[in-house]
Amino acid sequence: MTKIQTVLSCLLVLCAPLTAQEAEPPDPTLLMPTAEQVRGWAPAAEPGVYEPENLFEYIDGAAE
């Protein structure tokens, strides 16, 4: 390989993950199974989603 090919290959490898990122992250509640998918199981409550804005409230002020 020439130096130019090596540099271009490295740039391609380093820049590829940048194009694969989604604008909006997927909904994490979609990762939980439903009661229909697992026989005999039912969730005890709705899944909770905690983000930087509400994590402080969830763990009662110990997020720092």
PDB file of N, CA and C in Angstrom:
ATOM      1  N   MET A   1       0.849  -1.185   0.000  1.00  0.00           N
ATOM      2  CA  MET A   1       0.000   0.000   0.000  1.00  0.00           C
ATOM      3  C   MET A   1       0.888   1.238   0.000  1.00  0.00           C
ATOM      4  N   THR A   2       0.397   2.217  -0.681  1.00  0.00           N
ATOM      5  CA  THR A   2       1.123   3.480  -0.652  1.00  0.00           C
ATOM      6  C   THR A   2       0.719   4.257   0.590  1.00  0.00           C
ATOM      7  N   LYS A   3       1.443   5.309   0.867  1.00  0.00           N
ATOM      8  CA  LYS A   3       1.136   6.125   2.043  1.00  0.00           C
ATOM      9  C   LYS A   3      -0.239   6.766   1.927  1.00  0.00           C
ATOM     10  N   ILE A   4      -0.599   7.180   0.732  1.00  0.00           N
ATOM     11  CA  ILE A   4      -1.907   7.813   0.533  1.00  0.00           C
ATOM     12  C   ILE A   4      -3.023   6.813   0.780  1.00  0.00           C
ATOM     13  N   GLN A   5      -2.870   5.602   0.296  1.00  0.00           N
ATOM     14  CA  GLN A   5      -3.878   4.572   0.531  1.00  0.00           C
ATOM     15  C   GLN A   5      -3.989   4.249   2.020  1.00  0.00           C
ATOM     16  N   THR A   6      -2.878   4.209   2.711  1.00  0.00           N
ATOM     17  CA  THR A   6      -2.882   3.929   4.143  1.00  0.00           C
ATOM     18  C   THR A   6      -3.604   5.033   4.905  1.00  0.00           C
ATOM     19  N   VAL A   7      -3.296   6.278   4.566  1.00  0.00           N
ATOM     20  CA  VAL A   7      -3.935   7.405   5.239  1.00  0.00           C
ATOM     21  C   VAL A   7      -5.431   7.414   4.955  1.00  0.00           C
ATOM     22  N   LEU A   8      -5.830   7.189   3.716  1.00  0.00           N
ATOM     23  CA  LEU A   8      -7.254   7.162   3.370  1.00  0.00           C
ATOM     24  C   LEU A   8      -7.975   6.008   4.072  1.00  0.00           C
ATOM     25  N   SER A   9      -7.326   4.867   4.178  1.00  0.00           N
ATOM     26  CA  SER A   9      -7.934   3.730   4.875  1.00  0.00           C
ATOM     27  C   SER A   9      -8.135   4.049   6.356  1.00  0.00           C
ATOM     28  N   CYS A  10      -7.136   4.677   6.966  1.00  0.00           N
ATOM     29  CA  CYS A  10      -7.256   5.045   8.380  1.00  0.00           C
ATOM     30  C   CYS A  10      -8.372   6.060   8.591  1.00  0.00           C
ATOM     31  N   LEU A  11      -8.467   7.038   7.711  1.00  0.00           N
ATOM     32  CA  LEU A  11      -9.541   8.031   7.817  1.00  0.00           C
ATOM     33  C   LEU A  11     -10.909   7.385   7.672  1.00  0.00           C
ATOM     34  N   LEU A  12     -11.018   6.454   6.752  1.00  0.00           N
ATOM     35  CA  LEU A  12     -12.295   5.764   6.559  1.00  0.00           C
ATOM     36  C   LEU A  12     -12.687   4.987   7.807  1.00  0.00           C
ATOM     37  N   VAL A  13     -11.744   4.292   8.398  1.00  0.00           N
ATOM     38  CA  VAL A  13     -12.025   3.501   9.601  1.00  0.00           C
ATOM     39  C   VAL A  13     -12.389   4.414  10.769  1.00  0.00           C
ATOM     40  N   LEU A  14     -11.702   5.538  10.898  1.00  0.00           N
ATOM     41  CA  LEU A  14     -11.960   6.438  12.019  1.00  0.00           C
ATOM     42  C   LEU A  14     -13.247   7.229  11.854  1.00  0.00           C
ATOM     43  N   CYS A  15     -13.652   7.523  10.634  1.00  0.00           N
ATOM     44  CA  CYS A  15     -14.847   8.349  10.394  1.00  0.00           C
ATOM     45  C   CYS A  15     -16.125   7.520  10.237  1.00  0.00           C
ATOM     46  N   ALA A  16     -16.016   6.241  10.010  1.00  0.00           N
ATOM     47  CA  ALA A  16     -17.204   5.409   9.792  1.00  0.00           C
ATOM     48  C   ALA A  16     -18.178   5.439  10.964  1.00  0.00           C
ATOM     49  N   PRO A  17     -17.729   5.358  12.229  1.00  0.00           N
ATOM     50  CA  PRO A  17     -18.697   5.399  13.343  1.00  0.00           C
ATOM     51  C   PRO A  17     -19.452   6.728  13.424  1.00  0.00           C
ATOM     52  N   LEU A  18     -18.873   7.797  12.939  1.00  0.00           N
ATOM     53  CA  LEU A  18     -19.551   9.086  13.004  1.00  0.00           C
ATOM     54  C   LEU A  18     -20.809   9.109  12.157  1.00  0.00           C
ATOM     55  N   THR A  19     -20.820   8.383  11.059  1.00  0.00           N
ATOM     56  CA  THR A  19     -21.994   8.366  10.184  1.00  0.00           C
ATOM     57  C   THR A  19     -23.046   7.378  10.669  1.00  0.00           C
ATOM     58  N   ALA A  20     -22.674   6.468  11.564  1.00  0.00           N
ATOM     59  CA  ALA A  20     -23.599   5.437  12.022  1.00  0.00           C
ATOM     60  C   ALA A  20     -24.462   5.889  13.198  1.00  0.00           C
ATOM     61  N   GLN A  21     -24.189   7.054  13.766  1.00  0.00           N
ATOM     62  CA  GLN A  21     -24.948   7.504  14.918  1.00  0.00           C
ATOM     63  C   GLN A  21     -26.331   7.992  14.500  1.00  0.00           C
ATOM     64  N   GLU A  22     -27.310   7.641  15.301  1.00  0.00           N
ATOM     65  CA  GLU A  22     -28.676   8.079  15.047  1.00  0.00           C
ATOM     66  C   GLU A  22     -28.886   9.456  15.666  1.00  0.00           C
ATOM     67  N   ALA A  23     -29.770  10.219  15.048  1.00  0.00           N
ATOM     68  CA  ALA A  23     -30.065  11.547  15.570  1.00  0.00           C
ATOM     69  C   ALA A  23     -30.787  11.447  16.914  1.00  0.00           C
ATOM     70  N   GLU A  24     -31.723  10.542  17.023  1.00  0.00           N
ATOM     71  CA  GLU A  24     -32.507  10.346  18.246  1.00  0.00           C
ATOM     72  C   GLU A  24     -32.234   8.937  18.769  1.00  0.00           C
ATOM     73  N   PRO A  25     -31.813   8.784  20.011  1.00  0.00           N
ATOM     74  CA  PRO A  25     -31.552   7.434  20.524  1.00  0.00           C
ATOM     75  C   PRO A  25     -32.843   6.609  20.569  1.00  0.00           C
ATOM     76  N   PRO A  26     -32.733   5.301  20.441  1.00  0.00           N
ATOM     77  CA  PRO A  26     -33.930   4.455  20.477  1.00  0.00           C
ATOM     78  C   PRO A  26     -34.578   4.469  21.858  1.00  0.00           C
ATOM     79  N   ASP A  27     -35.841   4.147  21.898  1.00  0.00           N
ATOM     80  CA  ASP A  27     -36.600   4.108  23.143  1.00  0.00           C
ATOM     81  C   ASP A  27     -36.175   2.876  23.948  1.00  0.00           C
ATOM     82  N   PRO A  28     -35.571   3.030  25.132  1.00  0.00           N
ATOM     83  CA  PRO A  28     -35.101   1.870  25.890  1.00  0.00           C
ATOM     84  C   PRO A  28     -36.231   0.971  26.385  1.00  0.00           C
ATOM     85  N   THR A  29     -37.445   1.489  26.477  1.00  0.00           N
ATOM     86  CA  THR A  29     -38.547   0.642  26.933  1.00  0.00           C
ATOM     87  C   THR A  29     -38.890  -0.426  25.891  1.00  0.00           C
ATOM     88  N   LEU A  30     -38.466  -0.247  24.656  1.00  0.00           N
ATOM     89  CA  LEU A  30     -38.714  -1.254  23.627  1.00  0.00           C
ATOM     90  C   LEU A  30     -37.839  -2.489  23.822  1.00  0.00           C
ATOM     91  N   LEU A  31     -36.826  -2.395  24.669  1.00  0.00           N
ATOM     92  CA  LEU A  31     -35.960  -3.534  24.942  1.00  0.00           C
ATOM     93  C   LEU A  31     -36.572  -4.511  25.937  1.00  0.00           C
ATOM     94  N   MET A  32     -37.561  -4.067  26.691  1.00  0.00           N
ATOM     95  CA  MET A  32     -38.213  -4.930  27.674  1.00  0.00           C
ATOM     96  C   MET A  32     -39.204  -5.868  26.977  1.00  0.00           C
ATOM     97  N   PRO A  33     -39.255  -7.116  27.415  1.00  0.00           N
ATOM     98  CA  PRO A  33     -40.231  -8.028  26.815  1.00  0.00           C
ATOM     99  C   PRO A  33     -41.650  -7.667  27.252  1.00  0.00           C
ATOM    100  N   THR A  34     -42.598  -8.055  26.454  1.00  0.00           N
ATOM    101  CA  THR A  34     -44.000  -7.857  26.823  1.00  0.00           C
ATOM    102  C   THR A  34     -44.503  -9.116  27.510  1.00  0.00           C
ATOM    103  N   ALA A  35     -45.635  -9.024  28.166  1.00  0.00           N
ATOM    104  CA  ALA A  35     -46.206 -10.181  28.861  1.00  0.00           C
ATOM    105  C   ALA A  35     -46.551 -11.285  27.867  1.00  0.00           C
ATOM    106  N   GLU A  36     -46.844 -10.930  26.631  1.00  0.00           N
ATOM    107  CA  GLU A  36     -47.176 -11.942  25.622  1.00  0.00           C
ATOM    108  C   GLU A  36     -45.939 -12.703  25.145  1.00  0.00           C
ATOM    109  N   GLN A  37     -44.758 -12.095  25.264  1.00  0.00           N
ATOM    110  CA  GLN A  37     -43.534 -12.729  24.782  1.00  0.00           C
ATOM    111  C   GLN A  37     -42.959 -13.733  25.767  1.00  0.00           C
ATOM    112  N   VAL A  38     -43.240 -13.575  27.052  1.00  0.00           N
ATOM    113  CA  VAL A  38     -42.698 -14.476  28.071  1.00  0.00           C
ATOM    114  C   VAL A  38     -43.875 -15.060  28.843  1.00  0.00           C
ATOM    115  N   ARG A  39     -44.100 -16.349  28.653  1.00  0.00           N
ATOM    116  CA  ARG A  39     -45.232 -17.009  29.278  1.00  0.00           C
ATOM    117  C   ARG A  39     -45.126 -16.994  30.801  1.00  0.00           C
ATOM    118  N   GLY A  40     -46.188 -16.576  31.480  1.00  0.00           N
ATOM    119  CA  GLY A  40     -46.227 -16.573  32.926  1.00  0.00           C
ATOM    120  C   GLY A  40     -45.564 -15.368  33.578  1.00  0.00           C
ATOM    121  N   TRP A  41     -45.141 -14.432  32.789  1.00  0.00           N
ATOM    122  CA  TRP A  41     -44.455 -13.256  33.343  1.00  0.00           C
ATOM    123  C   TRP A  41     -45.259 -12.006  33.037  1.00  0.00           C
ATOM    124  N   ALA A  42     -45.266 -11.096  33.979  1.00  0.00           N
ATOM    125  CA  ALA A  42     -45.909  -9.800  33.772  1.00  0.00           C
ATOM    126  C   ALA A  42     -45.076  -8.748  34.501  1.00  0.00           C
ATOM    127  N   PRO A  43     -44.894  -7.594  33.906  1.00  0.00           N
ATOM    128  CA  PRO A  43     -44.115  -6.560  34.594  1.00  0.00           C
ATOM    129  C   PRO A  43     -44.838  -6.074  35.845  1.00  0.00           C
ATOM    130  N   ALA A  44     -44.080  -5.763  36.877  1.00  0.00           N
ATOM    131  CA  ALA A  44     -44.666  -5.266  38.124  1.00  0.00           C
ATOM    132  C   ALA A  44     -45.151  -3.833  37.968  1.00  0.00           C
ATOM    133  N   ALA A  45     -44.519  -3.089  37.086  1.00  0.00           N
ATOM    134  CA  ALA A  45     -44.883  -1.685  36.853  1.00  0.00           C
ATOM    135  C   ALA A  45     -44.371  -1.292  35.473  1.00  0.00           C
ATOM    136  N   GLU A  46     -44.738  -0.119  35.042  1.00  0.00           N
ATOM    137  CA  GLU A  46     -44.225   0.395  33.776  1.00  0.00           C
ATOM    138  C   GLU A  46     -42.718   0.610  33.905  1.00  0.00           C
ATOM    139  N   PRO A  47     -41.950   0.329  32.852  1.00  0.00           N
ATOM    140  CA  PRO A  47     -40.506   0.566  32.945  1.00  0.00           C
ATOM    141  C   PRO A  47     -40.217   2.051  33.131  1.00  0.00           C
ATOM    142  N   GLY A  48     -39.256   2.348  33.965  1.00  0.00           N
ATOM    143  CA  GLY A  48     -38.870   3.735  34.194  1.00  0.00           C
ATOM    144  C   GLY A  48     -37.680   4.110  33.325  1.00  0.00           C
ATOM    145  N   VAL A  49     -37.679   5.313  32.844  1.00  0.00           N
ATOM    146  CA  VAL A  49     -36.568   5.827  32.046  1.00  0.00           C
ATOM    147  C   VAL A  49     -36.004   7.028  32.785  1.00  0.00           C
ATOM    148  N   TYR A  50     -34.718   6.977  33.070  1.00  0.00           N
ATOM    149  CA  TYR A  50     -34.083   8.050  33.818  1.00  0.00           C
ATOM    150  C   TYR A  50     -32.997   8.681  32.970  1.00  0.00           C
ATOM    151  N   GLU A  51     -33.060   9.973  32.868  1.00  0.00           N
ATOM    152  CA  GLU A  51     -32.119  10.750  32.072  1.00  0.00           C
ATOM    153  C   GLU A  51     -31.404  11.733  32.990  1.00  0.00           C
ATOM    154  N   PRO A  52     -30.411  12.434  32.482  1.00  0.00           N
ATOM    155  CA  PRO A  52     -29.700  13.382  33.346  1.00  0.00           C
ATOM    156  C   PRO A  52     -30.618  14.395  34.031  1.00  0.00           C
ATOM    157  N   GLU A  53     -31.712  14.744  33.379  1.00  0.00           N
ATOM    158  CA  GLU A  53     -32.615  15.743  33.954  1.00  0.00           C
ATOM    159  C   GLU A  53     -33.368  15.228  35.181  1.00  0.00           C
ATOM    160  N   ASN A  54     -33.691  13.934  35.231  1.00  0.00           N
ATOM    161  CA  ASN A  54     -34.490  13.434  36.352  1.00  0.00           C
ATOM    162  C   ASN A  54     -33.765  12.379  37.204  1.00  0.00           C
ATOM    163  N   LEU A  55     -32.502  12.091  36.919  1.00  0.00           N
ATOM    164  CA  LEU A  55     -31.761  11.101  37.695  1.00  0.00           C
ATOM    165  C   LEU A  55     -31.580  11.568  39.134  1.00  0.00           C
ATOM    166  N   PHE A  56     -31.360  12.843  39.341  1.00  0.00           N
ATOM    167  CA  PHE A  56     -31.185  13.395  40.682  1.00  0.00           C
ATOM    168  C   PHE A  56     -32.405  13.102  41.548  1.00  0.00           C
ATOM    169  N   GLU A  57     -33.599  13.258  40.976  1.00  0.00           N
ATOM    170  CA  GLU A  57     -34.836  12.992  41.724  1.00  0.00           C
ATOM    171  C   GLU A  57     -35.002  11.495  42.000  1.00  0.00           C
ATOM    172  N   TYR A  58     -34.621  10.637  41.035  1.00  0.00           N
ATOM    173  CA  TYR A  58     -34.800   9.198  41.186  1.00  0.00           C
ATOM    174  C   TYR A  58     -33.963   8.647  42.336  1.00  0.00           C
ATOM    175  N   ILE A  59     -32.720   9.065  42.438  1.00  0.00           N
ATOM    176  CA  ILE A  59     -31.881   8.513  43.498  1.00  0.00           C
ATOM    177  C   ILE A  59     -31.801   9.456  44.695  1.00  0.00           C
ATOM    178  N   ASP A  60     -32.778  10.284  44.823  1.00  0.00           N
ATOM    179  CA  ASP A  60     -32.984  11.130  46.004  1.00  0.00           C
ATOM    180  C   ASP A  60     -31.782  12.003  46.329  1.00  0.00           C
ATOM    181  N   GLY A  61     -31.277  12.687  45.310  1.00  0.00           N
ATOM    182  CA  GLY A  61     -30.229  13.654  45.529  1.00  0.00           C
ATOM    183  C   GLY A  61     -28.817  13.107  45.557  1.00  0.00           C
ATOM    184  N   ALA A  62     -28.620  11.823  45.339  1.00  0.00           N
ATOM    185  CA  ALA A  62     -27.269  11.262  45.404  1.00  0.00           C
ATOM    186  C   ALA A  62     -26.622  11.109  44.035  1.00  0.00           C
ATOM    187  N   ALA A  63     -27.110  11.823  43.023  1.00  0.00           N
ATOM    188  CA  ALA A  63     -26.572  11.675  41.670  1.00  0.00           C
ATOM    189  C   ALA A  63     -25.273  12.410  41.459  1.00  0.00           C
ATOM    190  N   GLU A  64     -24.853  13.227  42.380  1.00  0.00           N
ATOM    191  CA  GLU A  64     -23.605  13.959  42.168  1.00  0.00           C
ATOM    192  C   GLU A  64     -22.463  13.141  42.691  1.00  0.00           C
TER     193      GLU A  64
END
